[in-house]
Every structure is written in C-alpha cells, then in structure tokens.
C-alpha cells in the first residue's frame, strides 16, 4: 500500500509541476499531462528525472 501512496504522491507532484509551468507561460507542459496520468511507477520515476525534480 505504501508503494501505491508513493506513486500517487509522485504523480501529484509531477502534475503540480506541469500546471505551474503552464500557468507561467509554458503551455506545452500540458502536453505531458496525459502521460503522467497513465504512467506506472517506473515511468513516473523517468519523468521525474526528465523534469529534474530528483
């Protein structure tokens, strides 16, 4: 269960990053929203690295 919570927390953090970027004028960040919503744990980790969050 903890892994599921961690995955959801990571997904939420990425979505917040995307929305913040879009709000600041980087509208293209919204293109990744669907990928973040559908991603599994491993894919989320890769997206986190791509965005430089870890």
N, C-alpha and C. Protein backbone atom coordinates (compact mmCIF):
# COMPACT_ATOMS: atom_id res chain seq x y z
N UNK A 1 0.82 -1.20 0.00
CA UNK A 1 0.00 0.00 0.00
C UNK A 1 0.86 1.26 0.00
N UNK A 2 1.97 1.23 0.71
CA UNK A 2 2.86 2.38 0.77
C UNK A 2 3.38 2.73 -0.62
N UNK A 3 3.69 1.73 -1.42
CA UNK A 3 4.18 1.97 -2.77
C UNK A 3 3.12 2.69 -3.59
N UNK A 4 1.88 2.29 -3.44
CA UNK A 4 0.79 2.95 -4.17
C UNK A 4 0.67 4.42 -3.74
N UNK A 5 0.80 4.67 -2.45
CA UNK A 5 0.74 6.06 -1.97
C UNK A 5 1.92 6.87 -2.49
N UNK A 6 3.10 6.25 -2.51
CA UNK A 6 4.28 6.93 -3.03
C UNK A 6 4.10 7.26 -4.51
N UNK A 7 3.55 6.32 -5.25
CA UNK A 7 3.31 6.53 -6.68
C UNK A 7 2.32 7.66 -6.89
N UNK A 8 1.26 7.67 -6.11
CA UNK A 8 0.26 8.74 -6.24
C UNK A 8 0.83 10.10 -5.84
N UNK A 9 1.67 10.11 -4.82
CA UNK A 9 2.30 11.37 -4.39
C UNK A 9 3.24 11.89 -5.48
N UNK A 10 3.97 10.98 -6.11
CA UNK A 10 4.87 11.35 -7.20
C UNK A 10 4.08 11.88 -8.38
N UNK A 11 2.98 11.20 -8.71
CA UNK A 11 2.12 11.64 -9.80
C UNK A 11 1.58 13.06 -9.51
N UNK A 12 1.14 13.28 -8.28
CA UNK A 12 0.61 14.59 -7.90
C UNK A 12 1.68 15.67 -8.00
N UNK A 13 2.89 15.36 -7.55
CA UNK A 13 3.98 16.34 -7.63
C UNK A 13 4.29 16.70 -9.09
N UNK A 14 4.29 15.70 -9.96
CA UNK A 14 4.54 15.97 -11.37
C UNK A 14 3.43 16.80 -11.98
N UNK A 15 2.19 16.48 -11.66
CA UNK A 15 1.08 17.25 -12.20
C UNK A 15 1.14 18.70 -11.72
N UNK A 16 1.49 18.90 -10.46
CA UNK A 16 1.62 20.26 -9.95
C UNK A 16 2.72 21.02 -10.68
N UNK A 17 3.81 20.34 -10.98
CA UNK A 17 4.91 20.95 -11.73
C UNK A 17 4.45 21.33 -13.14
N UNK A 18 3.69 20.44 -13.77
CA UNK A 18 3.18 20.72 -15.11
C UNK A 18 2.23 21.92 -15.10
N UNK A 19 1.33 21.94 -14.14
CA UNK A 19 0.37 23.04 -14.06
C UNK A 19 1.06 24.37 -13.76
N UNK A 20 2.06 24.33 -12.89
CA UNK A 20 2.81 25.56 -12.57
C UNK A 20 3.53 26.07 -13.81
N UNK A 21 4.13 25.16 -14.55
CA UNK A 21 4.82 25.56 -15.77
C UNK A 21 3.87 26.15 -16.80
N UNK A 22 2.71 25.51 -16.95
CA UNK A 22 1.71 26.00 -17.90
C UNK A 22 1.19 27.37 -17.47
N UNK A 23 0.98 27.54 -16.18
CA UNK A 23 0.49 28.82 -15.66
C UNK A 23 1.50 29.93 -15.88
N UNK A 24 2.78 29.57 -15.84
CA UNK A 24 3.82 30.59 -16.01
C UNK A 24 4.12 30.89 -17.47
N UNK A 25 3.38 30.25 -18.37
CA UNK A 25 3.54 30.57 -19.79
C UNK A 25 4.10 29.46 -20.64
N UNK A 26 4.46 28.35 -20.04
CA UNK A 26 4.99 27.21 -20.80
C UNK A 26 3.85 26.23 -21.10
N UNK A 27 2.94 26.66 -21.96
CA UNK A 27 1.74 25.89 -22.26
C UNK A 27 2.03 24.47 -22.73
N UNK A 28 3.15 24.26 -23.37
CA UNK A 28 3.48 22.94 -23.90
C UNK A 28 3.64 21.89 -22.81
N UNK A 29 3.85 22.33 -21.58
CA UNK A 29 3.99 21.36 -20.48
C UNK A 29 2.70 20.56 -20.30
N UNK A 30 1.58 21.11 -20.67
CA UNK A 30 0.31 20.39 -20.55
C UNK A 30 0.24 19.18 -21.48
N UNK A 31 1.10 19.15 -22.48
CA UNK A 31 1.11 18.00 -23.39
C UNK A 31 1.51 16.72 -22.67
N UNK A 32 2.25 16.82 -21.58
CA UNK A 32 2.69 15.65 -20.83
C UNK A 32 1.69 15.21 -19.77
N UNK A 33 0.61 15.96 -19.59
CA UNK A 33 -0.34 15.63 -18.53
C UNK A 33 -0.90 14.22 -18.69
N UNK A 34 -1.31 13.85 -19.88
CA UNK A 34 -1.89 12.52 -20.10
C UNK A 34 -0.86 11.43 -19.82
N UNK A 35 0.38 11.66 -20.22
CA UNK A 35 1.43 10.67 -19.97
C UNK A 35 1.64 10.48 -18.47
N UNK A 36 1.60 11.55 -17.71
CA UNK A 36 1.77 11.47 -16.25
C UNK A 36 0.60 10.71 -15.64
N UNK A 37 -0.59 10.99 -16.09
CA UNK A 37 -1.78 10.33 -15.53
C UNK A 37 -1.79 8.83 -15.81
N UNK A 38 -1.26 8.40 -16.96
CA UNK A 38 -1.28 7.00 -17.34
C UNK A 38 -0.04 6.23 -16.90
N UNK A 39 1.00 6.91 -16.49
CA UNK A 39 2.30 6.28 -16.20
C UNK A 39 2.25 5.39 -14.96
N UNK A 40 3.02 4.32 -15.04
CA UNK A 40 3.24 3.47 -13.89
C UNK A 40 4.37 4.04 -13.05
N UNK A 41 4.72 3.32 -12.00
CA UNK A 41 5.74 3.80 -11.06
C UNK A 41 7.08 4.04 -11.75
N UNK A 42 7.52 3.11 -12.57
CA UNK A 42 8.82 3.25 -13.22
C UNK A 42 8.82 4.41 -14.21
N UNK A 43 7.73 4.55 -14.94
CA UNK A 43 7.62 5.64 -15.90
C UNK A 43 7.59 7.00 -15.20
N UNK A 44 6.94 7.04 -14.05
CA UNK A 44 6.91 8.29 -13.28
C UNK A 44 8.31 8.67 -12.82
N UNK A 45 9.09 7.69 -12.39
CA UNK A 45 10.47 7.96 -11.98
C UNK A 45 11.26 8.57 -13.13
N UNK A 46 11.05 8.05 -14.34
CA UNK A 46 11.75 8.58 -15.51
C UNK A 46 11.31 10.02 -15.80
N UNK A 47 10.02 10.28 -15.69
CA UNK A 47 9.51 11.64 -15.90
C UNK A 47 10.06 12.60 -14.85
N UNK A 48 10.19 12.15 -13.63
CA UNK A 48 10.77 12.97 -12.56
C UNK A 48 12.19 13.37 -12.91
N UNK A 49 12.95 12.41 -13.42
CA UNK A 49 14.33 12.72 -13.83
C UNK A 49 14.34 13.69 -15.01
N UNK A 50 13.43 13.52 -15.95
CA UNK A 50 13.37 14.42 -17.11
C UNK A 50 13.07 15.86 -16.70
N UNK A 51 12.23 16.00 -15.70
CA UNK A 51 11.87 17.34 -15.21
C UNK A 51 12.85 17.86 -14.18
N UNK A 52 13.81 17.05 -13.79
CA UNK A 52 14.83 17.49 -12.84
C UNK A 52 14.33 17.67 -11.43
N UNK A 53 13.31 16.92 -11.07
CA UNK A 53 12.77 17.03 -9.72
C UNK A 53 13.55 16.18 -8.72
N UNK A 54 14.35 15.26 -9.20
CA UNK A 54 15.21 14.43 -8.33
C UNK A 54 16.52 14.19 -8.99
